């Protein structure tokens, strides 16, 4: 609250956004465990704001405190309140520092203890702990309720594809395809190019052989949707059917129809379908 006066994650604003497209948006809550009313705030956000998970920022400043740890006993009652109220998904920013916050406070190693203490919870580690990918992989391998989110990590698919391939090979080797979650960090940047590049991306043959893994289309579809759908109990087939003709779908169709034809390398005209 010292630098971001409405908080990194504002449950009330998120609920307002969700209300604009409730069938398409899941909103999260955000609580600083150092708040004197933190336990009450967790309950309020679940009951009043309808959050289905929480996003935690362990490096958030508060007065003289430069951050907190996910394994600090003061946080345990908050986890237990989530369990009591049926909320299982705990998202943590672990990895890149957000200036002027401390990089050391984003260390991923404090996830190990609560992941073991609370097997009922899912710990989704945003940015897969970069630049501490090794630490994340070792922890996630031991803790089957730890997941990795690719937000920011997938930026390398465009400007350093070899590095991205190494990240993906490690994740697939250590934790497998069922615990990798898509992320974009939208609206910092427009997300479609990331998705397009990812879906076209192939692991180099030497990494496939070295790690014994592959990034198939089936695995890509798990990463971009079905893994997260499983965490949030979404039936994909029925959800897609319910969205076929909603307002956003209609606007997408109208936008596609308004675009001029594009010419492919074969000289055949086609329309934009995003």
C-alpha atoms as a PDB file:
ATOM      1  CA  UNK A   1       0.000   0.000   0.000  1.00  0.00           C
ATOM      2  CA  UNK A   2       2.988   2.339   0.435  1.00  0.00           C
ATOM      3  CA  UNK A   3       3.721   2.429  -3.311  1.00  0.00           C
ATOM      4  CA  UNK A   4       0.420   1.194  -4.816  1.00  0.00           C
ATOM      5  CA  UNK A   5      -2.284   2.872  -2.775  1.00  0.00           C
ATOM      6  CA  UNK A   6      -5.074   0.543  -3.870  1.00  0.00           C
ATOM      7  CA  UNK A   7      -2.859  -2.520  -3.482  1.00  0.00           C
ATOM      8  CA  UNK A   8      -1.257  -4.782  -6.050  1.00  0.00           C
ATOM      9  CA  UNK A   9      -4.447  -6.843  -6.219  1.00  0.00           C
ATOM     10  CA  UNK A  10      -7.701  -5.040  -5.472  1.00  0.00           C
ATOM     11  CA  UNK A  11     -10.550  -7.506  -4.915  1.00  0.00           C
ATOM     12  CA  UNK A  12     -13.281  -4.879  -5.204  1.00  0.00           C
ATOM     13  CA  UNK A  13     -12.037  -3.554  -8.547  1.00  0.00           C
ATOM     14  CA  UNK A  14     -11.513  -7.077  -9.798  1.00  0.00           C
ATOM     15  CA  UNK A  15     -15.116  -7.894  -8.912  1.00  0.00           C
ATOM     16  CA  UNK A  16     -16.243  -4.871 -10.926  1.00  0.00           C
ATOM     17  CA  UNK A  17     -14.311  -6.152 -13.920  1.00  0.00           C
ATOM     18  CA  UNK A  18     -15.747  -9.647 -13.477  1.00  0.00           C
ATOM     19  CA  UNK A  19     -19.259  -8.185 -13.466  1.00  0.00           C
ATOM     20  CA  UNK A  20     -18.706  -6.975 -17.036  1.00  0.00           C
ATOM     21  CA  UNK A  21     -18.226 -10.541 -18.281  1.00  0.00           C
ATOM     22  CA  UNK A  22     -19.003 -12.944 -15.450  1.00  0.00           C
ATOM     23  CA  UNK A  23     -18.929 -16.035 -17.673  1.00  0.00           C
ATOM     24  CA  UNK A  24     -15.450 -15.173 -18.929  1.00  0.00           C
ATOM     25  CA  UNK A  25     -13.623 -13.679 -15.951  1.00  0.00           C
ATOM     26  CA  UNK A  26     -12.513 -15.183 -12.641  1.00  0.00           C
ATOM     27  CA  UNK A  27     -11.338 -12.610 -10.130  1.00  0.00           C
ATOM     28  CA  UNK A  28      -8.756 -13.001  -7.389  1.00  0.00           C
ATOM     29  CA  UNK A  29      -8.327 -11.295  -4.060  1.00  0.00           C
ATOM     30  CA  UNK A  30      -5.269  -9.755  -2.501  1.00  0.00           C
ATOM     31  CA  UNK A  31      -4.406  -9.406   1.190  1.00  0.00           C
ATOM     32  CA  UNK A  32      -1.262  -8.260   2.972  1.00  0.00           C
ATOM     33  CA  UNK A  33      -0.783 -10.612   5.959  1.00  0.00           C
ATOM     34  CA  UNK A  34       0.704  -7.737   7.966  1.00  0.00           C
ATOM     35  CA  UNK A  35      -2.625  -5.883   7.922  1.00  0.00           C
ATOM     36  CA  UNK A  36      -4.177  -5.895  11.393  1.00  0.00           C
ATOM     37  CA  UNK A  37      -7.460  -7.117   9.880  1.00  0.00           C
ATOM     38  CA  UNK A  38      -5.900  -9.545   7.390  1.00  0.00           C
ATOM     39  CA  UNK A  39      -7.942 -12.568   8.483  1.00  0.00           C
ATOM     40  CA  UNK A  40     -11.192 -10.631   8.317  1.00  0.00           C
ATOM     41  CA  UNK A  41     -10.215  -9.226   4.939  1.00  0.00           C
ATOM     42  CA  UNK A  42      -9.646 -12.696   3.496  1.00  0.00           C
ATOM     43  CA  UNK A  43     -13.151 -13.676   4.583  1.00  0.00           C
ATOM     44  CA  UNK A  44     -14.676 -10.444   3.287  1.00  0.00           C
ATOM     45  CA  UNK A  45     -13.115 -10.787  -0.142  1.00  0.00           C
ATOM     46  CA  UNK A  46     -14.316 -14.358  -0.470  1.00  0.00           C
ATOM     47  CA  UNK A  47     -17.848 -13.698   0.742  1.00  0.00           C
ATOM     48  CA  UNK A  48     -18.461 -10.170  -0.569  1.00  0.00           C
ATOM     49  CA  UNK A  49     -16.219  -9.950  -3.645  1.00  0.00           C
ATOM     50  CA  UNK A  50     -16.648 -13.540  -4.778  1.00  0.00           C
ATOM     51  CA  UNK A  51     -12.934 -14.186  -5.302  1.00  0.00           C
ATOM     52  CA  UNK A  52     -11.943 -17.739  -6.222  1.00  0.00           C
ATOM     53  CA  UNK A  53      -8.286 -17.432  -5.329  1.00  0.00           C
ATOM     54  CA  UNK A  54      -5.692 -15.010  -4.003  1.00  0.00           C
ATOM     55  CA  UNK A  55      -2.667 -13.294  -5.507  1.00  0.00           C
ATOM     56  CA  UNK A  56       0.081 -12.758  -2.962  1.00  0.00           C
ATOM     57  CA  UNK A  57       2.984 -10.288  -3.253  1.00  0.00           C
ATOM     58  CA  UNK A  58       5.619 -11.176  -0.675  1.00  0.00           C
ATOM     59  CA  UNK A  59       7.770  -8.153  -1.544  1.00  0.00           C
ATOM     60  CA  UNK A  60       5.112  -5.538  -0.847  1.00  0.00           C
ATOM     61  CA  UNK A  61       6.398  -2.716   1.334  1.00  0.00           C
ATOM     62  CA  UNK A  62       4.539  -1.745   4.491  1.00  0.00           C
ATOM     63  CA  UNK A  63       6.139   0.979   6.562  1.00  0.00           C
ATOM     64  CA  UNK A  64       9.606  -0.237   7.560  1.00  0.00           C
ATOM     65  CA  UNK A  65       8.865  -3.798   6.418  1.00  0.00           C
ATOM     66  CA  UNK A  66      10.342  -4.648   3.023  1.00  0.00           C
ATOM     67  CA  UNK A  67       8.259  -7.779   2.647  1.00  0.00           C
ATOM     68  CA  UNK A  68       7.120 -11.033   4.201  1.00  0.00           C
ATOM     69  CA  UNK A  69       7.517 -14.763   3.641  1.00  0.00           C
ATOM     70  CA  UNK A  70       4.985 -17.356   2.513  1.00  0.00           C
ATOM     71  CA  UNK A  71       6.200 -19.663   5.300  1.00  0.00           C
ATOM     72  CA  UNK A  72       5.832 -17.111   8.093  1.00  0.00           C
ATOM     73  CA  UNK A  73       3.466 -18.566  10.732  1.00  0.00           C
ATOM     74  CA  UNK A  74       1.472 -15.320  10.692  1.00  0.00           C
ATOM     75  CA  UNK A  75       0.244 -16.286   7.218  1.00  0.00           C
ATOM     76  CA  UNK A  76      -0.943 -19.777   8.161  1.00  0.00           C
ATOM     77  CA  UNK A  77      -4.309 -18.650   9.583  1.00  0.00           C
ATOM     78  CA  UNK A  78      -5.018 -16.969   6.229  1.00  0.00           C
ATOM     79  CA  UNK A  79      -4.372 -20.194   4.348  1.00  0.00           C
ATOM     80  CA  UNK A  80      -6.566 -22.036   6.822  1.00  0.00           C
ATOM     81  CA  UNK A  81      -9.376 -19.509   6.391  1.00  0.00           C
ATOM     82  CA  UNK A  82      -9.197 -20.065   2.617  1.00  0.00           C
ATOM     83  CA  UNK A  83      -9.447 -23.814   3.137  1.00  0.00           C
ATOM     84  CA  UNK A  84     -12.376 -23.349   5.532  1.00  0.00           C
ATOM     85  CA  UNK A  85     -14.239 -21.271   2.920  1.00  0.00           C
ATOM     86  CA  UNK A  86     -13.458 -23.563  -0.008  1.00  0.00           C
ATOM     87  CA  UNK A  87     -10.802 -21.455  -1.763  1.00  0.00           C
ATOM     88  CA  UNK A  88      -7.829 -23.493  -2.939  1.00  0.00           C
ATOM     89  CA  UNK A  89      -5.792 -21.481  -5.447  1.00  0.00           C
ATOM     90  CA  UNK A  90      -2.933 -19.389  -4.067  1.00  0.00           C
ATOM     91  CA  UNK A  91      -1.086 -17.414  -6.754  1.00  0.00           C
ATOM     92  CA  UNK A  92       2.311 -15.980  -5.786  1.00  0.00           C
ATOM     93  CA  UNK A  93       4.437 -13.428  -7.597  1.00  0.00           C
ATOM     94  CA  UNK A  94       7.816 -15.111  -7.429  1.00  0.00           C
ATOM     95  CA  UNK A  95      10.533 -14.044  -9.785  1.00  0.00           C
ATOM     96  CA  UNK A  96      11.121 -10.705 -11.486  1.00  0.00           C
ATOM     97  CA  UNK A  97      11.362  -7.732  -9.174  1.00  0.00           C
ATOM     98  CA  UNK A  98       8.918  -4.852  -9.524  1.00  0.00           C
ATOM     99  CA  UNK A  99      10.827  -1.641  -8.876  1.00  0.00           C
ATOM    100  CA  UNK A 100      11.502  -0.377  -6.248  1.00  0.00           C
ATOM    101  CA  UNK A 101      10.803  -3.697  -4.509  1.00  0.00           C
ATOM    102  CA  UNK A 102      13.452  -6.127  -3.320  1.00  0.00           C
ATOM    103  CA  UNK A 103      14.379  -9.035  -5.604  1.00  0.00           C
ATOM    104  CA  UNK A 104      15.322 -11.157  -2.599  1.00  0.00           C
ATOM    105  CA  UNK A 105      11.754 -10.936  -1.271  1.00  0.00           C
ATOM    106  CA  UNK A 106      10.529 -12.671  -4.417  1.00  0.00           C
ATOM    107  CA  UNK A 107      12.631 -15.754  -3.628  1.00  0.00           C
ATOM    108  CA  UNK A 108      10.611 -18.911  -4.324  1.00  0.00           C
ATOM    109  CA  UNK A 109      12.062 -21.061  -1.543  1.00  0.00           C
ATOM    110  CA  UNK A 110       9.529 -19.970   1.080  1.00  0.00           C
ATOM    111  CA  UNK A 111       6.826 -21.839  -0.875  1.00  0.00           C
ATOM    112  CA  UNK A 112       8.187 -25.267   0.073  1.00  0.00           C
ATOM    113  CA  UNK A 113       6.928 -25.323   3.668  1.00  0.00           C
ATOM    114  CA  UNK A 114       3.314 -24.147   3.164  1.00  0.00           C
ATOM    115  CA  UNK A 115       2.989 -26.407   0.112  1.00  0.00           C
ATOM    116  CA  UNK A 116       3.768 -29.391   2.343  1.00  0.00           C
ATOM    117  CA  UNK A 117       1.734 -28.148   5.311  1.00  0.00           C
ATOM    118  CA  UNK A 118      -1.371 -27.436   3.217  1.00  0.00           C
ATOM    119  CA  UNK A 119      -1.809 -30.135   0.559  1.00  0.00           C
ATOM    120  CA  UNK A 120      -5.426 -28.955   0.134  1.00  0.00           C
ATOM    121  CA  UNK A 121      -4.138 -25.780  -1.500  1.00  0.00           C
ATOM    122  CA  UNK A 122      -2.668 -25.225  -4.950  1.00  0.00           C
ATOM    123  CA  UNK A 123       0.352 -22.919  -5.073  1.00  0.00           C
ATOM    124  CA  UNK A 124       0.579 -21.340  -8.532  1.00  0.00           C
ATOM    125  CA  UNK A 125       3.971 -19.652  -8.883  1.00  0.00           C
ATOM    126  CA  UNK A 126       3.800 -16.837 -11.382  1.00  0.00           C
ATOM    127  CA  UNK A 127       6.847 -16.350 -13.603  1.00  0.00           C
ATOM    128  CA  UNK A 128       8.015 -19.861 -12.566  1.00  0.00           C
ATOM    129  CA  UNK A 129      10.345 -18.278 -10.041  1.00  0.00           C
ATOM    130  CA  UNK A 130      12.668 -16.710 -12.625  1.00  0.00           C
ATOM    131  CA  UNK A 131      15.547 -16.116 -12.333  1.00  0.00           C
ATOM    132  CA  UNK A 132      15.458 -19.038  -9.870  1.00  0.00           C
ATOM    133  CA  UNK A 133      14.102 -21.708 -12.174  1.00  0.00           C
ATOM    134  CA  UNK A 134      16.223 -24.449 -10.601  1.00  0.00           C
ATOM    135  CA  UNK A 135      14.854 -23.704  -7.138  1.00  0.00           C
ATOM    136  CA  UNK A 136      11.301 -23.700  -8.454  1.00  0.00           C
ATOM    137  CA  UNK A 137      11.743 -27.000 -10.269  1.00  0.00           C
ATOM    138  CA  UNK A 138      13.226 -28.767  -7.239  1.00  0.00           C
ATOM    139  CA  UNK A 139      10.409 -27.510  -4.991  1.00  0.00           C
ATOM    140  CA  UNK A 140       7.640 -28.278  -7.490  1.00  0.00           C
ATOM    141  CA  UNK A 141       8.996 -31.770  -8.058  1.00  0.00           C
ATOM    142  CA  UNK A 142       8.734 -32.524  -4.340  1.00  0.00           C
ATOM    143  CA  UNK A 143       5.374 -30.802  -3.909  1.00  0.00           C
ATOM    144  CA  UNK A 144       2.652 -32.052  -6.292  1.00  0.00           C
ATOM    145  CA  UNK A 145       0.418 -29.076  -5.452  1.00  0.00           C
ATOM    146  CA  UNK A 146       2.899 -26.526  -6.835  1.00  0.00           C
ATOM    147  CA  UNK A 147       2.241 -25.185 -10.348  1.00  0.00           C
ATOM    148  CA  UNK A 148       4.206 -22.875 -12.624  1.00  0.00           C
ATOM    149  CA  UNK A 149       2.693 -19.936 -14.502  1.00  0.00           C
ATOM    150  CA  UNK A 150       4.496 -18.816 -17.652  1.00  0.00           C
ATOM    151  CA  UNK A 151       3.719 -15.097 -17.434  1.00  0.00           C
ATOM    152  CA  UNK A 152       6.855 -13.114 -18.400  1.00  0.00           C
ATOM    153  CA  UNK A 153       8.793 -16.372 -18.909  1.00  0.00           C
ATOM    154  CA  UNK A 154       6.995 -16.824 -22.216  1.00  0.00           C
ATOM    155  CA  UNK A 155       8.263 -13.444 -23.421  1.00  0.00           C
ATOM    156  CA  UNK A 156      11.493 -15.221 -24.354  1.00  0.00           C
ATOM    157  CA  UNK A 157       9.657 -17.200 -27.024  1.00  0.00           C
ATOM    158  CA  UNK A 158      10.067 -14.182 -29.292  1.00  0.00           C
ATOM    159  CA  UNK A 159      13.383 -12.520 -28.457  1.00  0.00           C
ATOM    160  CA  UNK A 160      15.376 -15.486 -27.093  1.00  0.00           C
ATOM    161  CA  UNK A 161      13.720 -18.686 -28.289  1.00  0.00           C
ATOM    162  CA  UNK A 162      16.632 -20.902 -27.248  1.00  0.00           C
ATOM    163  CA  UNK A 163      16.338 -19.716 -23.660  1.00  0.00           C
ATOM    164  CA  UNK A 164      12.588 -20.241 -23.764  1.00  0.00           C
ATOM    165  CA  UNK A 165      13.135 -23.750 -25.089  1.00  0.00           C
ATOM    166  CA  UNK A 166      15.439 -24.486 -22.153  1.00  0.00           C
ATOM    167  CA  UNK A 167      12.829 -23.162 -19.705  1.00  0.00           C
ATOM    168  CA  UNK A 168      10.119 -25.343 -21.240  1.00  0.00           C
ATOM    169  CA  UNK A 169      12.354 -28.412 -21.420  1.00  0.00           C
ATOM    170  CA  UNK A 170      13.164 -28.061 -17.721  1.00  0.00           C
ATOM    171  CA  UNK A 171       9.532 -27.581 -16.734  1.00  0.00           C
ATOM    172  CA  UNK A 172       8.370 -30.549 -18.775  1.00  0.00           C
ATOM    173  CA  UNK A 173      11.181 -32.731 -17.420  1.00  0.00           C
ATOM    174  CA  UNK A 174      10.714 -31.793 -13.764  1.00  0.00           C
ATOM    175  CA  UNK A 175       6.972 -31.302 -13.280  1.00  0.00           C
ATOM    176  CA  UNK A 176       5.373 -32.520 -16.510  1.00  0.00           C
ATOM    177  CA  UNK A 177       2.717 -30.965 -18.753  1.00  0.00           C
ATOM    178  CA  UNK A 178      -0.180 -30.967 -16.253  1.00  0.00           C
ATOM    179  CA  UNK A 179       1.197 -28.323 -13.881  1.00  0.00           C
ATOM    180  CA  UNK A 180       2.231 -25.604 -16.323  1.00  0.00           C
ATOM    181  CA  UNK A 181      -0.214 -22.682 -16.614  1.00  0.00           C
ATOM    182  CA  UNK A 182      -0.430 -20.023 -19.310  1.00  0.00           C
ATOM    183  CA  UNK A 183      -0.032 -16.363 -18.399  1.00  0.00           C
ATOM    184  CA  UNK A 184       0.382 -13.135 -20.345  1.00  0.00           C
ATOM    185  CA  UNK A 185       0.742 -10.166 -17.957  1.00  0.00           C
ATOM    186  CA  UNK A 186      -1.916  -8.425 -20.036  1.00  0.00           C
ATOM    187  CA  UNK A 187      -2.629  -5.460 -20.055  1.00  0.00           C
ATOM    188  CA  UNK A 188       1.077  -4.584 -19.802  1.00  0.00           C
ATOM    189  CA  UNK A 189       1.262  -5.769 -23.404  1.00  0.00           C
ATOM    190  CA  UNK A 190      -1.153  -7.110 -25.972  1.00  0.00           C
ATOM    191  CA  UNK A 191      -1.327 -10.896 -25.547  1.00  0.00           C
ATOM    192  CA  UNK A 192      -2.157 -12.345 -28.964  1.00  0.00           C
ATOM    193  CA  UNK A 193       1.367 -12.345 -30.381  1.00  0.00           C
ATOM    194  CA  UNK A 194       2.544 -14.357 -27.359  1.00  0.00           C
ATOM    195  CA  UNK A 195      -0.112 -16.976 -27.954  1.00  0.00           C
ATOM    196  CA  UNK A 196       0.581 -17.135 -31.686  1.00  0.00           C
ATOM    197  CA  UNK A 197       4.334 -17.513 -31.148  1.00  0.00           C
ATOM    198  CA  UNK A 198       3.844 -20.140 -28.461  1.00  0.00           C
ATOM    199  CA  UNK A 199       1.489 -22.246 -30.557  1.00  0.00           C
ATOM    200  CA  UNK A 200       3.982 -22.164 -33.455  1.00  0.00           C
ATOM    201  CA  UNK A 201       6.981 -22.886 -31.227  1.00  0.00           C
ATOM    202  CA  UNK A 202       8.816 -26.226 -31.381  1.00  0.00           C
ATOM    203  CA  UNK A 203      11.456 -27.575 -29.052  1.00  0.00           C
ATOM    204  CA  UNK A 204      14.829 -28.043 -30.761  1.00  0.00           C
ATOM    205  CA  UNK A 205      15.688 -31.679 -31.439  1.00  0.00           C
ATOM    206  CA  UNK A 206      18.769 -31.641 -29.192  1.00  0.00           C
ATOM    207  CA  UNK A 207      16.700 -30.548 -26.181  1.00  0.00           C
ATOM    208  CA  UNK A 208      14.044 -33.136 -26.932  1.00  0.00           C
ATOM    209  CA  UNK A 209      16.741 -35.791 -26.869  1.00  0.00           C
ATOM    210  CA  UNK A 210      18.594 -34.405 -23.838  1.00  0.00           C
ATOM    211  CA  UNK A 211      15.514 -34.017 -21.633  1.00  0.00           C
ATOM    212  CA  UNK A 212      13.344 -36.742 -23.110  1.00  0.00           C
ATOM    213  CA  UNK A 213      10.387 -34.395 -23.542  1.00  0.00           C
ATOM    214  CA  UNK A 214       8.403 -32.777 -26.334  1.00  0.00           C
ATOM    215  CA  UNK A 215       6.063 -29.788 -26.608  1.00  0.00           C
ATOM    216  CA  UNK A 216       3.241 -31.271 -28.666  1.00  0.00           C
ATOM    217  CA  UNK A 217       0.016 -29.566 -29.677  1.00  0.00           C
ATOM    218  CA  UNK A 218      -1.803 -31.629 -27.051  1.00  0.00           C
ATOM    219  CA  UNK A 219       0.558 -30.368 -24.341  1.00  0.00           C
ATOM    220  CA  UNK A 220       0.259 -26.798 -25.588  1.00  0.00           C
ATOM    221  CA  UNK A 221      -3.528 -26.961 -25.228  1.00  0.00           C
ATOM    222  CA  UNK A 222      -3.132 -28.199 -21.660  1.00  0.00           C
ATOM    223  CA  UNK A 223      -0.872 -25.256 -20.912  1.00  0.00           C
ATOM    224  CA  UNK A 224      -3.004 -22.546 -22.523  1.00  0.00           C
ATOM    225  CA  UNK A 225      -6.298 -23.673 -21.015  1.00  0.00           C
ATOM    226  CA  UNK A 226      -7.174 -27.070 -19.672  1.00  0.00           C
ATOM    227  CA  UNK A 227      -4.731 -27.065 -16.734  1.00  0.00           C
ATOM    228  CA  UNK A 228      -6.155 -23.811 -15.394  1.00  0.00           C
ATOM    229  CA  UNK A 229      -9.691 -24.997 -16.149  1.00  0.00           C
ATOM    230  CA  UNK A 230      -9.056 -28.041 -13.977  1.00  0.00           C
ATOM    231  CA  UNK A 231      -7.823 -25.865 -11.092  1.00  0.00           C
ATOM    232  CA  UNK A 232     -10.978 -23.751 -11.269  1.00  0.00           C
ATOM    233  CA  UNK A 233     -13.401 -26.616 -11.940  1.00  0.00           C
ATOM    234  CA  UNK A 234     -14.384 -25.391 -15.398  1.00  0.00           C
ATOM    235  CA  UNK A 235     -15.900 -27.817 -17.879  1.00  0.00           C
ATOM    236  CA  UNK A 236     -14.337 -26.560 -21.092  1.00  0.00           C
ATOM    237  CA  UNK A 237     -16.865 -27.982 -23.529  1.00  0.00           C
ATOM    238  CA  UNK A 238     -19.899 -26.583 -21.732  1.00  0.00           C
ATOM    239  CA  UNK A 239     -18.145 -23.277 -21.067  1.00  0.00           C
ATOM    240  CA  UNK A 240     -17.286 -22.787 -24.739  1.00  0.00           C
ATOM    241  CA  UNK A 241     -20.862 -23.591 -25.700  1.00  0.00           C
ATOM    242  CA  UNK A 242     -22.182 -20.984 -23.268  1.00  0.00           C
ATOM    243  CA  UNK A 243     -19.904 -18.338 -24.784  1.00  0.00           C
ATOM    244  CA  UNK A 244     -20.632 -19.034 -28.452  1.00  0.00           C
ATOM    245  CA  UNK A 245     -22.915 -16.062 -28.931  1.00  0.00           C
ATOM    246  CA  UNK A 246     -22.374 -13.776 -25.974  1.00  0.00           C
ATOM    247  CA  UNK A 247     -21.617 -10.074 -26.412  1.00  0.00           C
ATOM    248  CA  UNK A 248     -17.860 -10.519 -26.641  1.00  0.00           C
ATOM    249  CA  UNK A 249     -18.182 -13.323 -29.194  1.00  0.00           C
ATOM    250  CA  UNK A 250     -20.464 -11.141 -31.308  1.00  0.00           C
ATOM    251  CA  UNK A 251     -18.008  -8.256 -31.149  1.00  0.00           C
ATOM    252  CA  UNK A 252     -15.132 -10.542 -32.155  1.00  0.00           C
ATOM    253  CA  UNK A 253     -17.092 -11.829 -35.123  1.00  0.00           C
ATOM    254  CA  UNK A 254     -18.026  -8.286 -36.157  1.00  0.00           C
ATOM    255  CA  UNK A 255     -14.407  -7.170 -35.901  1.00  0.00           C
ATOM    256  CA  UNK A 256     -13.182 -10.108 -37.992  1.00  0.00           C
ATOM    257  CA  UNK A 257     -15.798  -9.416 -40.647  1.00  0.00           C
ATOM    258  CA  UNK A 258     -14.737  -5.767 -40.842  1.00  0.00           C
ATOM    259  CA  UNK A 259     -11.078  -6.515 -41.609  1.00  0.00           C
ATOM    260  CA  UNK A 260      -9.790  -6.469 -45.202  1.00  0.00           C
ATOM    261  CA  UNK A 261      -8.723  -9.824 -46.689  1.00  0.00           C
ATOM    262  CA  UNK A 262      -5.120 -10.828 -46.138  1.00  0.00           C
ATOM    263  CA  UNK A 263      -2.981 -12.471 -48.777  1.00  0.00           C
ATOM    264  CA  UNK A 264      -0.980 -15.484 -47.685  1.00  0.00           C
ATOM    265  CA  UNK A 265       2.313 -16.699 -49.170  1.00  0.00           C
ATOM    266  CA  UNK A 266       0.311 -18.871 -51.581  1.00  0.00           C
ATOM    267  CA  UNK A 267      -1.541 -15.836 -52.901  1.00  0.00           C
ATOM    268  CA  UNK A 268      -4.867 -17.021 -51.473  1.00  0.00           C
ATOM    269  CA  UNK A 269      -6.880 -14.365 -49.665  1.00  0.00           C
ATOM    270  CA  UNK A 270      -8.097 -15.106 -46.162  1.00  0.00           C
ATOM    271  CA  UNK A 271      -9.809 -13.191 -43.371  1.00  0.00           C
ATOM    272  CA  UNK A 272      -8.541 -12.272 -39.930  1.00  0.00           C
ATOM    273  CA  UNK A 273     -10.233 -14.513 -37.387  1.00  0.00           C
ATOM    274  CA  UNK A 274      -9.132 -13.180 -34.011  1.00  0.00           C
END
